[in-house]
Amino acid sequence: MRGNRIRLIRIISLLIIVSSAGSGQIIENPAKPVAKDAGRLLKLSEVWRITDDSGEFYLKSPMELRIAENGSILLHDSEQLLKFSPEGKFVKSLLKKGQGPGEIRDLAFQFRTLGKEIFIFDLNARRSWRANLEGTFQESISVTDINPSALVAATPEGLVFAGIQSSFTWPPQTDATAKAISVPHRIVFVPRKGGPARDIMKWERQVIRGLGSTLWDPMVIAPGQDAKTFYMALRWDYGIDVLDTTTGKIIMKFARAYPKFRVLWSEEDKKFVKESGMPLTEFWPDINNLYPISNGVWVETSTDDKAKGRLIDVFSKDGRFVDSFYLGGGRTLMAVQDGAIFCHEKNEDETIKIVKYRVDR
């Protein structure tokens, strides 16, 4: 869901404008938030850290971290799904590679938690299933007819996926020239108790297709804490759409004036991109990730300062730009919990650690 593509810098210099449109309320925020100390380095206190010093497991490439209802920490790291106690103590590895029920093919899997259950989607094997918090397989969930590429949410009624519409056929690639293609996508609900899947939303996602390479428009979709609304960043420019999953309608759009963050290409990367026939993109997508919280959403932007780290914006539930801060150099945000965050970091010797911090301000 990350990438880059040429866009002209557009800096919107205006006061907050609120209007109403057929696609929901549209809110344009200025470049600076309400908080007087916006732009600060976030003040954090370490609660605990996870390392692999004990040798019970090895951290390779942390990808997803989620907190279960009972406080357990579940970490997708390469081809592992590791379980830790609420205090960060290692419990067990929940998955193993294979072709059997509850086994993953490779590292391309995603997961969501709901109550005392884990829902897993194995992308390359095109399989999905439900397990308990011990990793024990419970039941398969059919995804053969919906062509999903992402597991978006787990709800008591069923699972929500996103991906290319099943009816789409890729046009033949007759030469190495990169071409822009519009690919129909959808967000689809799959009921847990059987029955037909239901489309929640459809949209056209653009892709530039070159020789063995593709460059997609962003697709960042994060469910709100009740999973009744989704926060979505589906374009290169700064903008968030709020989707009502019951009606399938966009009920709000909000954005802010944002200075784009330039891609710094190495000569080796430039050569590779040119050989594949792809364009050398100038800027990163404005939004890197979304982290819904109880009273709004944290927006991980493309701005990454070597000393101060990643710039995080904070919006209220009504789309107002209320705060922004830097995470701190060397930290990669993995999850946000009210009053706490979880970060992936590296030590000087390149070993990995997962750190839980209390947010002081």
Foldseek 3Di string as FASTA:
>chain_A
DWFFFADDADFDADDWDWDADPQAIETEHAPDAADPPFAAQFDWDFQDKAFCVVVQDAADAWDAWDAAPQQWIWTQGWLWTWIAHNSGHGDDTQEDDDDDALHEPTSQKDWDYDHQKIWIARLVVRWIFIDGPSNHTDGTFHDPQANFRAFADQAPFFTKGKDFGPPDDDDDDPDQAKDKDWTKMFIWTGGPVDDDIGTLEIDTKIWTDGQVDIGTFDWAWHAAPNSQWIWTDRHLEFKIWIAGSVNSGTHYMYGYRDGFDFDDDDPVRVVVCVVRNHDDGTTIRQFDYWAHAPFFIKTFGPDQDQAQGTKIWTAGPRHGGHHIYGHGHQWDWRHDYVQKTWTWGADPVRGIMITIIGGPD
